[in-house]
Protein backbone atom coordinates (compact mmCIF):
# COMPACT_ATOMS: atom_id res chain seq x y z
CA VAL A 1 -7.99 -74.84 31.31
CA MET A 2 -9.74 -73.86 34.51
CA TYR A 3 -13.06 -73.06 36.04
CA ARG A 4 -13.10 -69.69 37.72
CA ASN A 5 -12.38 -69.91 41.41
CA HIS A 6 -12.36 -66.34 42.64
CA ALA A 7 -10.54 -67.30 45.84
CA GLY A 8 -7.62 -68.75 43.91
CA ASP A 9 -7.64 -66.73 40.67
CA ALA A 10 -5.00 -64.19 41.74
CA MET A 11 -2.60 -66.92 42.85
CA ASP A 12 -3.19 -68.94 39.67
CA LEU A 13 -2.57 -65.92 37.46
CA GLY A 14 0.65 -65.07 39.30
CA VAL A 15 2.01 -68.60 38.95
CA ALA A 16 1.01 -68.71 35.28
CA ARG A 17 2.72 -65.38 34.55
CA ARG A 18 5.97 -66.54 36.15
CA GLY A 19 5.90 -69.68 34.03
CA LYS A 20 4.83 -67.78 30.88
CA VAL A 21 1.74 -69.99 30.69
CA GLY A 22 -1.57 -68.74 29.35
CA GLN A 23 -4.82 -69.66 31.02
CA ALA A 24 -8.18 -70.40 29.48
CA TRP A 25 -11.27 -70.09 31.62
CA ILE A 26 -14.37 -72.21 31.29
CA ASP A 27 -17.39 -70.38 32.61
CA GLY A 28 -20.88 -69.43 31.48
CA ASP A 29 -19.71 -68.26 28.05
CA PRO A 30 -21.00 -70.78 25.48
CA PHE A 31 -18.18 -69.81 23.10
CA SER A 32 -15.34 -70.60 25.51
CA MET A 33 -15.14 -74.16 24.12
CA MET A 34 -14.69 -72.81 20.58
CA GLU A 35 -11.67 -70.78 21.70
CA LEU A 36 -10.15 -73.96 23.14
CA VAL A 37 -10.75 -75.80 19.84
CA ARG A 38 -9.07 -72.94 17.94
CA SER A 39 -6.12 -73.04 20.36
CA LEU A 40 -5.62 -76.75 19.76
CA ARG A 41 -5.89 -76.35 16.00
CA ARG A 42 -3.14 -73.69 16.20
CA GLY A 43 -0.90 -76.31 17.80
CA GLU A 44 -1.15 -75.03 21.36
CA ILE A 45 -1.10 -77.40 24.30
CA LEU A 46 -3.95 -77.46 26.80
CA ALA A 47 -3.74 -79.05 30.23
CA MET A 48 -6.95 -80.32 31.82
CA LEU A 49 -7.68 -82.40 34.88
CA ALA A 50 -9.22 -85.68 33.81
CA ASP A 51 -9.75 -87.46 37.13
CA ASN A 52 -12.41 -85.24 38.68
CA PRO A 53 -15.75 -84.28 37.11
CA TRP A 54 -16.72 -80.74 38.07
CA ASP A 55 -20.29 -80.87 36.77
CA SER A 56 -22.85 -83.16 35.18
CA ARG A 57 -20.90 -83.55 31.92
CA SER A 58 -19.34 -86.81 32.97
CA MET A 59 -19.42 -90.50 32.22
CA GLU A 60 -19.35 -93.47 34.58
CA LEU A 61 -16.59 -96.02 33.99
CA PRO A 62 -14.88 -98.70 36.08
CA PHE A 63 -11.94 -97.39 38.12
CA PHE A 64 -10.04 -99.76 40.40
CA GLY A 65 -12.98 -102.17 40.21
CA ARG A 66 -15.70 -99.68 41.14
CA PRO A 67 -17.81 -97.29 39.06
CA ALA A 68 -16.56 -93.71 39.08
CA ARG A 69 -17.40 -90.57 37.12
CA PHE A 70 -14.96 -88.85 34.76
CA PRO A 71 -15.31 -85.60 32.82
CA VAL A 72 -16.04 -86.00 29.10
CA GLY A 73 -14.69 -82.53 28.24
CA PRO A 74 -11.12 -83.61 27.42
CA VAL A 75 -12.21 -86.30 24.93
CA LYS A 76 -14.94 -84.16 23.35
CA LEU A 77 -12.50 -81.30 22.93
CA ALA A 78 -9.87 -83.57 21.36
CA ARG A 79 -12.47 -85.04 18.98
CA LEU A 80 -13.76 -81.61 17.91
CA ALA A 81 -10.23 -80.28 17.35
CA GLY A 82 -9.00 -83.46 15.65
CA VAL A 83 -6.05 -83.88 18.01
CA PRO A 84 -4.86 -86.73 20.26
CA ILE A 85 -4.86 -86.71 24.04
CA PHE A 86 -1.48 -87.08 25.72
CA PRO A 87 -1.99 -88.26 29.30
CA ALA A 88 0.56 -86.57 31.53
CA PHE A 89 1.37 -86.98 35.19
CA CYS A 90 3.52 -85.18 37.72
CA THR A 91 4.75 -87.40 40.52
CA TRP A 92 6.02 -85.94 43.78
CA THR A 93 9.43 -87.46 44.45
CA ARG A 94 10.57 -85.39 47.44
CA PRO A 95 9.99 -81.86 48.75
CA ARG A 96 9.98 -79.36 45.85
CA GLU A 97 10.82 -82.09 43.34
CA TYR A 98 8.52 -83.68 40.79
CA GLU A 99 8.94 -86.06 37.91
CA ALA A 100 6.84 -85.42 34.80
CA THR A 101 5.67 -88.33 32.66
CA LEU A 102 4.10 -87.95 29.21
CA CYS A 103 2.30 -91.08 27.99
CA ASP A 104 1.53 -92.34 24.51
CA PRO A 105 -1.20 -90.44 22.66
CA ILE A 106 -4.83 -91.53 22.72
CA GLU A 107 -6.69 -90.91 19.47
CA VAL A 108 -10.39 -90.11 19.64
CA GLY A 109 -11.97 -92.08 16.81
CA GLY A 110 -14.48 -90.99 14.25
CA GLY A 111 -17.94 -92.34 13.60
CA ASP A 112 -20.55 -92.02 16.30
CA PRO A 113 -19.42 -89.23 18.65
CA ASP A 114 -20.84 -90.84 21.80
CA THR A 115 -19.09 -94.15 21.07
CA ALA A 116 -15.82 -92.41 20.16
CA ASP A 117 -15.94 -90.36 23.38
CA ARG A 118 -16.70 -93.40 25.55
CA GLU A 119 -13.91 -95.49 24.00
CA ALA A 120 -11.31 -92.72 24.28
CA LEU A 121 -12.33 -91.91 27.85
CA ALA A 122 -12.20 -95.61 28.80
CA THR A 123 -8.66 -95.78 27.39
CA LEU A 124 -7.68 -92.63 29.28
CA VAL A 125 -9.13 -94.00 32.52
CA LYS A 126 -7.15 -97.25 32.10
CA VAL A 127 -3.94 -95.23 31.64
CA MET A 128 -4.77 -93.20 34.76
CA GLU A 129 -5.57 -96.36 36.71
CA GLU A 130 -2.24 -97.96 35.75
CA PHE A 131 -0.20 -94.86 36.58
CA ILE A 132 -2.03 -94.06 39.80
CA GLY A 133 -1.80 -97.71 40.88
CA ARG A 134 2.00 -97.50 40.59
CA ASN A 135 2.07 -94.17 42.48
CA LEU A 136 -0.86 -94.46 44.88
CA PRO A 137 0.89 -92.94 47.94
CA VAL A 138 1.33 -89.62 46.10
CA TRP A 139 -2.00 -89.47 44.21
CA PHE A 140 -3.81 -86.29 45.10
CA ASN A 141 -7.46 -85.82 44.20
CA PHE A 142 -9.71 -83.02 45.38
CA GLU A 143 -12.41 -85.46 46.48
CA SER A 144 -13.12 -89.18 46.43
CA ALA A 145 -13.19 -90.59 42.91
CA TRP A 146 -16.17 -92.72 43.95
CA GLY A 147 -18.09 -90.08 45.88
CA GLY A 148 -20.71 -89.34 43.23
CA ALA A 149 -20.91 -92.73 41.52
């Protein structure tokens, strides 16, 4: 799942085609989220960045002892589709070599949607904090996690 980035779209599409991976774009179309929900309900897998909020739809939570903002999209999407979140990480081990790690699922609870989203996102952030803490030298983020908080 990606935001359109016209400078990188051609490269992204080429890489996705080689890997036989489909791409879903989030843009100004209000129905794009519904297509993602339908994809998840069909059993498809979606990959989303969860450590960098791209817009105002974010929530502030503690991260390495300081408040930081995280996107709420992944947990809202999981709740709407009725599917768990599987945190996944790729760790650079040496040039052109990565190790992929798939963590235990995080269920987004029922009841009050805001509470369910906050609890699931807090759990996801703790998983990220633990994994990143063990692999800090190779953590890559597009900007400071604490820049906007």
